[in-house]
Amino acid sequence: MINKTKIGIPSRSVEKSQGKEKNDYSTKFDDIFTRLKDAVGAKSDNDLGEALGLRQQTISAARSKKQIPPGWVVEISAKFGVSADWILYGEGPVRRGENQKGHENDGISQIGENDRRKSYIMLKWAKPKVNEAGELFVGNESWEHIFVRNELDKIGTPEKIAVMMMPGNDMFPVIKDKNSILIDTSQTNMVSDYIYAVYISEAFLIRRLTVAGNNIVLSGYNCESVEIPPDEIKILGRVVYWISG
């Protein structure tokens, strides 16, 4: 089972595409926020804002929403030499390059900075349409959450996963309108009874696909099912995760 507390740092409840487990991230936010302040020696929100070059109102807004912009973690990690693992999870040494046991390097190689950066990934926003190549349209704008690459490896190919707001209530109550959904664009070969992003007759849809003889049944939880031949459907990717708001 995927460890949802390590897949990213959202403050909302998280649901897997094949389950409905939920977690409250308020405690996690408070822990991360405290470690951010500790990393820069801040005694107040205003001190943290000064370290980040931000106004106190911006810090207060993040606290109110219980959402930490990933740029804060990246900037503090780079500027103060603090481990992003420690900021996000409270695990390992506080400073980058420190041996976890506090001893001098005994010949065991440390994780390089480039490798450390590769441990995290920010997903791109996708739109409910196709590009000129007939693939899911993925823009250059990143989502506000940092994800741990190893956790995304468990559900798909991290570099091929994009995030999108659920368009409409066809999958309600399982996936609600404007819920954030993660789509793995590398998974375009259909596996029966999974949820996919599809393109049919110039229409973008999120549907559960099921094999029915020589045809495919497209079904939702709040719409009529449709049965069509396979050559009339373009599979853009599989919905591997969604976040309920």
Protein backbone atom coordinates (compact mmCIF):
# COMPACT_ATOMS: atom_id res chain seq x y z
CA MET A 1 0.00 0.00 0.00
CA ILE A 2 1.25 3.48 -0.84
CA ASN A 3 2.34 5.63 2.08
CA LYS A 4 0.18 8.67 1.42
CA THR A 5 1.94 10.77 4.05
CA LYS A 6 5.09 10.59 1.93
CA ILE A 7 3.69 10.93 -1.56
CA GLY A 8 3.32 14.70 -1.26
CA ILE A 9 2.44 17.43 1.21
CA PRO A 10 -1.20 18.33 0.49
CA SER A 11 -3.43 19.40 3.38
CA ARG A 12 -6.52 17.76 1.98
CA SER A 13 -7.70 14.16 2.23
CA VAL A 14 -6.14 11.75 -0.26
CA GLU A 15 -7.79 8.83 -2.04
CA LYS A 16 -6.24 6.11 -4.16
CA SER A 17 -7.94 5.11 -7.40
CA GLN A 18 -8.59 1.63 -6.04
CA GLY A 19 -9.50 2.62 -2.47
CA LYS A 20 -10.93 5.32 -0.23
CA GLU A 21 -8.49 5.76 2.65
CA LYS A 22 -8.22 9.30 3.98
CA ASN A 23 -5.70 11.13 6.16
CA ASP A 24 -5.75 14.43 8.04
CA TYR A 25 -2.64 16.44 7.17
CA SER A 26 -3.07 19.25 9.72
CA THR A 27 -0.56 17.70 12.15
CA LYS A 28 1.90 17.09 9.31
CA PHE A 29 1.63 20.74 8.28
CA ASP A 30 2.35 21.95 11.81
CA ASP A 31 5.40 19.67 12.06
CA ILE A 32 6.83 20.84 8.72
CA PHE A 33 6.12 24.48 9.53
CA THR A 34 7.95 24.14 12.85
CA ARG A 35 10.97 22.53 11.17
CA LEU A 36 11.06 25.32 8.57
CA LYS A 37 11.31 27.86 11.38
CA ASP A 38 13.91 25.79 13.22
CA ALA A 39 15.99 25.50 10.03
CA VAL A 40 16.41 29.28 9.79
CA GLY A 41 16.41 30.00 13.52
CA ALA A 42 13.08 31.83 13.29
CA LYS A 43 11.24 32.53 16.52
CA SER A 44 8.15 33.93 14.79
CA ASP A 45 6.28 33.81 11.49
CA ASN A 46 7.72 37.24 10.71
CA ASP A 47 11.26 35.88 11.13
CA LEU A 48 10.46 33.05 8.70
CA GLY A 49 9.08 35.57 6.23
CA GLU A 50 12.29 37.60 6.40
CA ALA A 51 14.37 34.47 5.74
CA LEU A 52 12.26 33.72 2.67
CA GLY A 53 11.96 37.33 1.55
CA LEU A 54 8.19 37.23 2.02
CA ARG A 55 5.69 39.41 3.82
CA GLN A 56 4.20 38.22 7.09
CA GLN A 57 0.75 38.14 5.43
CA THR A 58 2.00 35.50 2.97
CA ILE A 59 3.22 33.32 5.82
CA SER A 60 -0.09 33.76 7.64
CA ALA A 61 -2.03 32.80 4.50
CA ALA A 62 -0.04 29.56 4.19
CA ARG A 63 -0.70 28.78 7.84
CA SER A 64 -4.42 29.48 7.40
CA LYS A 65 -4.66 27.22 4.33
CA LYS A 66 -2.31 24.65 5.89
CA GLN A 67 -0.42 24.47 2.60
CA ILE A 68 3.33 24.93 2.30
CA PRO A 69 4.52 26.07 -1.15
CA PRO A 70 7.28 23.68 -2.30
CA GLY A 71 9.46 26.65 -3.17
CA TRP A 72 9.87 27.37 0.53
CA VAL A 73 11.35 23.94 1.17
CA VAL A 74 13.62 24.16 -1.86
CA GLU A 75 14.85 27.68 -1.00
CA ILE A 76 15.55 26.97 2.66
CA SER A 77 17.25 23.69 1.78
CA ALA A 78 19.52 25.46 -0.71
CA LYS A 79 20.14 28.66 1.27
CA PHE A 80 20.70 27.12 4.70
CA GLY A 81 22.07 23.69 3.73
CA VAL A 82 19.21 21.87 5.46
CA SER A 83 18.07 18.45 4.27
CA ALA A 84 14.70 18.51 2.50
CA ASP A 85 14.05 15.02 3.93
CA TRP A 86 14.38 16.43 7.43
CA ILE A 87 12.13 19.42 6.68
CA LEU A 88 9.38 17.29 5.13
CA TYR A 89 9.52 14.19 7.31
CA GLY A 90 11.81 14.88 10.27
CA GLU A 91 13.98 11.96 9.14
CA GLY A 92 17.75 11.71 8.76
CA PRO A 93 20.38 14.37 9.49
CA VAL A 94 19.34 18.01 9.65
CA ARG A 95 22.19 19.25 7.47
CA ARG A 96 22.90 17.98 3.98
CA GLY A 97 26.02 15.83 3.81
CA GLU A 98 25.98 14.96 7.50
CA ASN A 99 26.34 11.30 8.37
CA GLN A 100 23.12 10.11 9.96
CA LYS A 101 24.95 8.77 13.03
CA GLY A 102 26.91 11.97 13.47
CA HIS A 103 30.29 10.36 12.74
CA GLU A 104 32.81 11.44 10.16
CA ASN A 105 32.44 9.94 6.74
CA ASP A 106 33.77 6.40 7.05
CA GLY A 107 34.01 5.74 3.33
CA ILE A 108 30.29 5.25 2.72
CA SER A 109 29.40 7.63 -0.07
CA GLN A 110 26.93 10.40 0.69
CA ILE A 111 23.97 11.22 -1.57
CA GLY A 112 25.08 13.87 -4.02
CA GLU A 113 23.15 17.12 -4.46
CA ASN A 114 22.01 16.19 -7.96
CA ASP A 115 20.73 12.83 -6.72
CA ARG A 116 18.96 14.57 -3.86
CA ARG A 117 17.15 16.90 -6.22
CA LYS A 118 16.10 13.89 -8.26
CA SER A 119 14.44 12.42 -5.16
CA TYR A 120 11.61 14.93 -5.51
CA ILE A 121 9.39 15.88 -8.40
CA MET A 122 6.78 18.51 -9.16
CA LEU A 123 3.95 17.50 -11.47
CA LYS A 124 2.72 19.57 -14.40
CA TRP A 125 -0.86 20.70 -14.86
CA ALA A 126 -2.81 19.08 -17.69
CA LYS A 127 -5.94 20.37 -19.42
CA PRO A 128 -8.98 18.31 -20.50
CA LYS A 129 -8.02 18.32 -24.17
CA VAL A 130 -5.49 16.81 -26.55
CA ASN A 131 -2.45 18.39 -28.18
CA GLU A 132 -1.49 18.33 -31.85
CA ALA A 133 0.00 14.86 -31.41
CA GLY A 134 -3.31 13.54 -30.10
CA GLU A 135 -1.95 13.17 -26.56
CA LEU A 136 -3.12 14.67 -23.28
CA PHE A 137 -2.31 18.40 -23.24
CA VAL A 138 0.26 19.01 -20.49
CA GLY A 139 1.39 22.60 -19.91
CA ASN A 140 4.47 24.09 -18.25
CA GLU A 141 2.79 25.19 -15.02
CA SER A 142 3.63 23.05 -11.98
CA TRP A 143 1.28 21.93 -9.24
CA GLU A 144 1.86 23.42 -5.79
CA HIS A 145 2.82 20.14 -4.13
CA ILE A 146 6.16 18.33 -3.95
CA PHE A 147 6.07 14.58 -4.50
CA VAL A 148 8.56 11.92 -3.49
CA ARG A 149 9.72 10.15 -6.63
CA ASN A 150 10.01 6.73 -4.99
CA GLU A 151 6.37 6.89 -3.87
CA LEU A 152 5.16 7.84 -7.36
CA ASP A 153 7.19 4.92 -8.73
CA LYS A 154 4.72 2.64 -6.94
CA ILE A 155 1.74 3.87 -8.95
CA GLY A 156 3.25 4.81 -12.30
CA THR A 157 6.03 6.59 -14.16
CA PRO A 158 6.75 9.88 -12.31
CA GLU A 159 7.91 11.80 -15.40
CA LYS A 160 4.71 10.83 -17.23
CA ILE A 161 2.26 11.73 -14.46
CA ALA A 162 0.32 14.99 -14.78
CA VAL A 163 -2.32 16.54 -12.54
CA MET A 164 -5.70 17.86 -13.61
CA MET A 165 -8.89 19.12 -12.04
CA MET A 166 -11.73 16.65 -12.51
CA PRO A 167 -14.01 18.14 -15.20
CA GLY A 168 -17.60 17.71 -14.03
CA ASN A 169 -19.49 15.32 -11.78
CA ASP A 170 -19.71 12.22 -14.01
CA MET A 171 -17.64 10.25 -11.46
CA PHE A 172 -19.43 11.68 -8.39
CA PRO A 173 -19.47 10.75 -5.51
CA VAL A 174 -16.15 8.87 -5.90
CA ILE A 175 -14.39 11.73 -7.72
CA LYS A 176 -16.01 15.14 -7.37
CA ASP A 177 -15.92 18.10 -9.74
CA LYS A 178 -12.59 19.96 -9.48
CA ASN A 179 -10.92 17.24 -7.38
CA SER A 180 -7.24 16.98 -8.31
CA ILE A 181 -6.55 13.77 -10.24
CA LEU A 182 -3.18 12.26 -11.20
CA ILE A 183 -3.02 10.83 -14.71
CA ASP A 184 -0.17 8.59 -15.88
CA THR A 185 0.07 9.32 -19.60
CA SER A 186 2.35 6.31 -20.15
CA GLN A 187 -0.46 3.89 -19.26
CA THR A 188 -2.47 3.95 -22.48
CA ASN A 189 -2.96 0.20 -22.85
CA MET A 190 -6.34 -0.63 -21.37
CA VAL A 191 -6.69 -2.86 -18.32
CA SER A 192 -10.34 -3.71 -17.68
CA ASP A 193 -12.10 -2.04 -14.71
CA TYR A 194 -9.62 0.84 -14.26
CA ILE A 195 -10.35 4.56 -14.58
CA TYR A 196 -8.88 6.36 -17.60
CA ALA A 197 -8.79 9.74 -19.29
CA VAL A 198 -10.19 9.20 -22.78
CA TYR A 199 -11.00 11.18 -25.91
CA ILE A 200 -14.07 10.24 -27.95
CA SER A 201 -15.69 12.17 -30.79
CA GLU A 202 -13.83 15.35 -29.78
CA ALA A 203 -14.97 14.97 -26.17
CA PHE A 204 -12.67 14.54 -23.15
CA LEU A 205 -13.97 12.12 -20.51
CA ILE A 206 -12.90 10.44 -17.28
CA ARG A 207 -14.46 6.97 -17.26
CA ARG A 208 -14.06 3.46 -15.92
CA LEU A 209 -13.35 1.13 -18.86
CA THR A 210 -14.56 -2.46 -18.98
CA VAL A 211 -14.23 -5.07 -21.70
CA ALA A 212 -17.56 -6.35 -23.04
CA GLY A 213 -17.00 -8.88 -25.81
CA ASN A 214 -15.42 -7.01 -28.71
CA ASN A 215 -16.42 -3.62 -27.33
CA ILE A 216 -15.50 -1.36 -24.43
CA VAL A 217 -17.99 -0.08 -21.88
CA LEU A 218 -17.39 3.45 -20.58
CA SER A 219 -19.09 3.99 -17.25
CA GLY A 220 -19.28 6.63 -14.54
CA TYR A 221 -21.01 6.87 -11.19
CA ASN A 222 -23.27 9.73 -12.20
CA CYS A 223 -23.86 9.21 -15.93
CA GLU A 224 -25.13 6.64 -18.40
CA SER A 225 -22.81 3.87 -19.59
CA VAL A 226 -21.83 3.72 -23.25
CA GLU A 227 -20.56 0.71 -25.22
CA ILE A 228 -18.34 1.44 -28.22
CA PRO A 229 -15.78 -0.32 -30.46
CA PRO A 230 -12.13 -0.01 -29.35
CA ASP A 231 -11.12 1.91 -32.48
CA GLU A 232 -13.44 4.78 -31.54
CA ILE A 233 -11.69 5.56 -28.28
CA LYS A 234 -8.36 7.27 -27.63
CA ILE A 235 -6.89 6.41 -24.22
CA LEU A 236 -4.83 9.36 -22.93
CA GLY A 237 -3.71 7.84 -19.63
CA ARG A 238 -4.85 6.07 -16.48
CA VAL A 239 -6.09 7.87 -13.38
CA VAL A 240 -3.70 6.52 -10.75
CA TYR A 241 -4.62 8.80 -7.84
CA TRP A 242 -6.97 11.55 -6.80
CA ILE A 243 -7.24 14.02 -3.95
CA SER A 244 -10.61 14.94 -2.48
CA GLY A 245 -11.13 18.50 -1.38
